[in-house]
Amino acid sequence: MARMCYVCGKHPGSGNKVSHANNKSRRRWLPNLQPARIVDAEGVRRRVRVCTSCLSANKITKAPKMEMAQS
């Protein structure tokens, strides 16, 4: 599943869109995913999609920025 949080596994929810006339049609609720560069358990830098609730709860270890070599 492409739209899934790397940490908690949050994925799209589904249900009905209900109009004022009580007409129902299917819809989806997408999680708020953001790309993040992290350091995983093996110490490898990865770019993953993480939901904002996991980002604000510090459930990941962000990778330090790569420094440019000065010549």
Protein backbone atom coordinates (compact mmCIF):
# COMPACT_ATOMS: atom_id res chain seq x y z
CA MET A 1 0.00 0.00 0.00
CA ALA A 2 1.59 3.26 -1.11
CA ARG A 3 -0.26 5.67 1.18
CA MET A 4 0.76 4.10 4.47
CA CYS A 5 2.76 5.43 7.43
CA TYR A 6 6.15 3.74 7.82
CA VAL A 7 5.92 3.83 11.64
CA CYS A 8 2.33 3.18 12.72
CA GLY A 9 0.85 1.69 9.54
CA LYS A 10 -1.91 4.29 9.26
CA HIS A 11 -3.62 3.93 5.88
CA PRO A 12 -6.63 5.40 4.05
CA GLY A 13 -10.01 4.96 5.68
CA SER A 14 -13.25 4.63 3.75
CA GLY A 15 -16.87 5.51 4.27
CA ASN A 16 -19.74 7.44 2.81
CA LYS A 17 -20.00 11.05 1.71
CA VAL A 18 -23.51 12.10 2.82
CA SER A 19 -25.21 15.07 1.19
CA HIS A 20 -27.87 17.29 2.72
CA ALA A 21 -30.45 15.24 0.80
CA ASN A 22 -29.02 12.11 2.48
CA ASN A 23 -27.54 10.79 -0.78
CA LYS A 24 -24.58 8.50 -0.11
CA SER A 25 -21.50 7.95 -2.23
CA ARG A 26 -18.17 6.33 -1.31
CA ARG A 27 -15.19 8.42 -0.25
CA ARG A 28 -11.76 8.02 1.32
CA TRP A 29 -9.94 9.74 4.18
CA LEU A 30 -6.22 9.94 3.44
CA PRO A 31 -3.61 10.12 6.23
CA ASN A 32 -1.43 13.24 6.39
CA LEU A 33 1.85 11.72 5.21
CA GLN A 34 5.10 13.68 4.89
CA PRO A 35 8.40 12.51 3.41
CA ALA A 36 11.18 12.27 6.01
CA ARG A 37 14.80 11.19 5.95
CA ILE A 38 15.35 8.85 8.88
CA VAL A 39 18.00 6.58 10.36
CA ASP A 40 16.46 3.12 10.75
CA ALA A 41 17.37 0.34 13.21
CA GLU A 42 20.36 -0.85 11.11
CA GLY A 43 21.77 2.70 10.94
CA VAL A 44 20.87 3.15 7.26
CA ARG A 45 19.60 6.51 6.02
CA ARG A 46 16.22 6.10 4.32
CA ARG A 47 13.57 8.35 2.87
CA VAL A 48 10.15 7.22 4.05
CA ARG A 49 6.60 8.57 4.33
CA VAL A 50 5.57 9.23 7.94
CA CYS A 51 2.27 10.60 9.27
CA THR A 52 2.37 13.93 11.08
CA SER A 53 1.20 12.40 14.36
CA CYS A 54 4.29 10.16 14.40
CA LEU A 55 6.51 13.12 13.46
CA SER A 56 5.20 15.30 16.28
CA ALA A 57 5.46 12.42 18.78
CA ASN A 58 9.16 11.91 17.80
CA LYS A 59 8.62 8.25 16.94
CA ILE A 60 11.41 8.42 14.34
CA THR A 61 15.06 9.45 14.41
CA LYS A 62 15.65 12.08 11.76
CA ALA A 63 18.88 11.71 9.77
CA PRO A 64 21.39 14.54 10.20
CA LYS A 65 21.89 16.80 7.22
CA MET A 66 24.76 15.87 4.91
CA GLU A 67 27.47 18.49 4.94
CA MET A 68 28.88 19.68 1.63
CA ALA A 69 32.60 19.17 1.13
CA GLN A 70 34.45 22.47 0.92
CA SER A 71 37.23 22.75 -1.63
